Every structure is written in structure tokens, then in C-alpha cells.
Amino acid sequence: MSVFKILRAAERAALDAEGRFAGSADDRRDGFVHLSAAHQVEGTLRRHFAGEEGLWLLALAKERLGDALRWEASRGGEAFPHLFRPLEAADVVWAAPLPLRDGRHVLPALG
């Protein structure tokens, strides 16, 4: 089972170059790396990344995240996955670009 992280192109490049990603400005402000479950990815894209080009979706293996992965109430009281450590390149199962088509991001199969 996977959880997901959306990265901008520069953030993806930093992860690739450094082997770790401490988080976006919002992540660092909140003290954890914001993640999404499969059913939450589309809503996260609409709410926080609408119309942005150059995005990447990373699938992360939950078992590799260990105790640093916590599910906490967020938007509307729904539980979202939060990572309380930097994201490591070794956590990534796969990464896929999120191209725009008619102003909406095209998602890969998340099953």
C-alpha cells in the first residue's frame, strides 16, 4: 500500500540530487511532510496545485516510513498521512509526471 507526495519540478530535482527532501515551505512551517492517500490526491491537486505545470507524483511505500508516518485529522476532519521526518529517495516506489490536459492534472493509476 502506498501514500503519495506531490512535488514541483525543483523539489523533485532536489530529492534526486540530495537523496532526501525536507519538505516544501508549507511542510517545514507545519513540522511534517504533507502526504495524501490515493483517494485524496485529486483533491490535493485541485486545492493546492491547480493549473501548475511541472508536477510529479511520488508513491511512497508505507512500510518504509515506519513510525514517522502518522494519520492526523486535517481538511474537514479527514485523516491525512503526515511524515515526521524528511522524505528519503529510498522511500519512493515510483514517480510519474502530472501533465495538464484541459487545465486538469492527468493522474496515473494509483491502485
Protein backbone atom coordinates (compact mmCIF):
# COMPACT_ATOMS: atom_id res chain seq x y z
CA MET A 1 0.00 0.00 0.00
CA SER A 2 1.24 3.48 -0.84
CA VAL A 3 0.80 7.06 0.19
CA PHE A 4 1.60 9.90 -2.17
CA LYS A 5 3.56 13.16 -2.32
CA ILE A 6 3.17 15.83 -4.98
CA LEU A 7 6.39 17.66 -5.82
CA ARG A 8 7.17 20.62 -8.02
CA ALA A 9 9.95 20.08 -10.57
CA ALA A 10 12.58 21.90 -8.48
CA GLU A 11 11.64 19.86 -5.41
CA ARG A 12 11.91 16.62 -7.40
CA ALA A 13 15.33 17.72 -8.67
CA ALA A 14 16.46 18.44 -5.10
CA LEU A 15 15.29 14.99 -3.94
CA ASP A 16 17.16 13.36 -6.81
CA ALA A 17 20.33 15.37 -6.20
CA GLU A 18 20.42 15.15 -2.40
CA GLY A 19 18.67 11.82 -1.82
CA ARG A 20 16.24 13.46 0.61
CA PHE A 21 13.64 16.20 0.74
CA ALA A 22 12.92 18.09 3.97
CA GLY A 23 9.64 19.38 2.58
CA SER A 24 8.07 22.37 0.89
CA ALA A 25 7.77 25.72 2.66
CA ASP A 26 4.32 24.61 3.88
CA ASP A 27 5.71 21.28 5.12
CA ARG A 28 8.53 22.96 7.02
CA ARG A 29 6.11 25.52 8.51
CA ASP A 30 3.81 22.75 9.75
CA GLY A 31 6.62 20.49 11.00
CA PHE A 32 5.87 17.48 8.79
CA VAL A 33 5.73 16.44 5.14
CA HIS A 34 2.14 16.55 3.86
CA LEU A 35 1.12 13.36 2.06
CA SER A 36 -2.12 12.03 0.58
CA ALA A 37 -3.86 8.67 0.40
CA ALA A 38 -4.82 7.55 -3.10
CA HIS A 39 -8.38 8.85 -2.79
CA GLN A 40 -7.10 12.26 -1.60
CA VAL A 41 -4.59 13.02 -4.38
CA GLU A 42 -7.06 14.59 -6.81
CA GLY A 43 -8.48 16.91 -4.14
CA THR A 44 -5.00 17.93 -3.02
CA LEU A 45 -4.08 18.78 -6.61
CA ARG A 46 -7.22 20.90 -7.05
CA ARG A 47 -6.83 22.70 -3.74
CA HIS A 48 -3.08 23.37 -3.65
CA PHE A 49 -1.69 22.90 -7.18
CA ALA A 50 -4.46 23.93 -9.59
CA GLY A 51 -3.09 24.74 -13.04
CA GLU A 52 0.56 24.23 -12.06
CA GLU A 53 2.79 22.62 -14.64
CA GLY A 54 5.85 20.50 -13.98
CA LEU A 55 4.42 18.50 -11.08
CA TRP A 56 5.42 14.97 -10.10
CA LEU A 57 3.52 12.37 -8.13
CA LEU A 58 5.60 10.08 -5.94
CA ALA A 59 4.28 6.83 -4.49
CA LEU A 60 5.83 6.01 -1.12
CA ALA A 61 5.81 2.59 0.50
CA LYS A 62 4.05 2.95 3.85
CA GLU A 63 6.12 0.17 5.39
CA ARG A 64 9.34 2.07 4.65
CA LEU A 65 8.06 5.13 6.52
CA GLY A 66 7.64 3.31 9.83
CA ASP A 67 6.59 5.21 12.93
CA ALA A 68 7.36 8.53 11.24
CA LEU A 69 4.08 8.14 9.30
CA ARG A 70 1.05 9.35 11.25
CA TRP A 71 -2.57 9.79 10.19
CA GLU A 72 -3.99 13.03 11.55
CA ALA A 73 -7.20 14.98 11.11
CA SER A 74 -6.90 17.74 8.55
CA ARG A 75 -9.21 19.20 5.91
CA GLY A 76 -12.79 18.75 7.11
CA GLY A 77 -11.66 16.39 9.86
CA GLU A 78 -10.50 13.73 7.38
CA ALA A 79 -7.35 11.82 8.35
CA PHE A 80 -4.38 12.57 6.11
CA PRO A 81 -0.95 10.91 6.22
CA HIS A 82 1.85 13.10 7.58
CA LEU A 83 5.55 12.20 7.57
CA PHE A 84 7.52 13.40 10.58
CA ARG A 85 10.96 13.14 9.01
CA PRO A 86 12.50 14.10 5.67
CA LEU A 87 11.39 12.15 2.64
CA GLU A 88 14.19 9.82 1.54
CA ALA A 89 14.79 8.73 -2.05
CA ALA A 90 14.64 5.12 -0.79
CA ASP A 91 11.01 5.71 0.28
CA VAL A 92 9.92 6.24 -3.34
CA VAL A 93 8.36 3.24 -5.08
CA TRP A 94 7.66 5.12 -8.32
CA ALA A 95 7.36 8.65 -9.65
CA ALA A 96 5.24 9.91 -12.52
CA PRO A 97 4.80 13.32 -14.14
CA LEU A 98 1.42 15.01 -13.78
CA PRO A 99 0.74 16.63 -17.14
CA LEU A 100 -2.09 19.10 -17.60
CA ARG A 101 -4.92 18.37 -20.02
CA ASP A 102 -7.66 20.97 -20.36
CA GLY A 103 -6.41 22.61 -17.16
CA ARG A 104 -6.56 19.44 -15.05
CA HIS A 105 -3.78 17.13 -13.97
CA VAL A 106 -3.76 13.67 -15.53
CA LEU A 107 -3.19 11.05 -12.85
CA PRO A 108 -1.56 7.66 -13.35
CA ALA A 109 -3.32 4.59 -11.96
CA LEU A 110 -2.98 4.75 -8.18
CA GLY A 111 -4.23 1.22 -7.40
